[in-house]
């Protein structure tokens, strides 16, 4: 009878996947493939990179800070054009929020009414991007920017500034595509689609590095945010889920290219190509909804 190398009086059911030594059920730890012994598990923890707050000091995340600055300045501009800290809004928000198709009716006088068509379907394609930099108040902004800093700082150091920025924009447009598919007539703002995309890419990066995302904490973070997406009214489910799926897919592709090609610029080009494709998809989604209305 084969006995456990740690407990000589116990029979061993399996062997450690890493070192091959026999282990009993009490010493078995589930791994991605098979089981590992306690010593190999501890060795893996010592050698595996882990995302912690104290790690944020290594290397200044210039692109992440610039993205946060743009979002903050956008909220200030919205406040200066009639918005509020609690609910956002303002003239700038109206001109920049994401919308597939809509009609704005403005009363100009007792007998004068201005009717203006709005949205991506009428050529305002810039809304695909600008909507991701506007927010409905300071709380909305603060939550998104906190996640952006915590996760974006890590990915920026891992991918480099150019690839990271191209990934962020691709995830933002993926979120916009989700909005235009699910709720094209609802004005939508927020960086949530891009942030969810970064979370998805971070999960892929850590899994490829052999990190347990549940022990690390990011798995729970993603799960909580997904549950809040479906439990909280007023949240754009299309942006969140499309951003998350897009981040997982694009992140996996970029990291796979990183190992296969060893040329960082290839990942940047691929992200840019995906962004262009998603922009075309956004325009198609907006037009597919608006065409029957415009032809009527």
Foldseek 3Di string as FASTA:
>chain_A
DDPAPVDRVHHFDAAAPPPRGGHHPVQWDDAPPGTHGPVVVVVCVVPFDFQDPVVLVPDDLVLLVVLLVLLVVQQVVQVVQPADQQFGHGPSLVLQFAALWDWDWDDPDPPDIDIDIDHVLVPPLNSLPRQASYDTHDVQSVVLSVLSSSLVSVVCVVQPPLLSVLQLLLQSLLLSLLCLQPPRHDGGHHNQSSSLLSLLLVVLVSVVSRHDCVVSPSVVVNVVVLVCQVVPPPHRNRSNVSSNVSSNVLSNVLVVCCVVVVDSVVSSVVSNVSSVVSSVSSNVSSNVVCVVVVVD
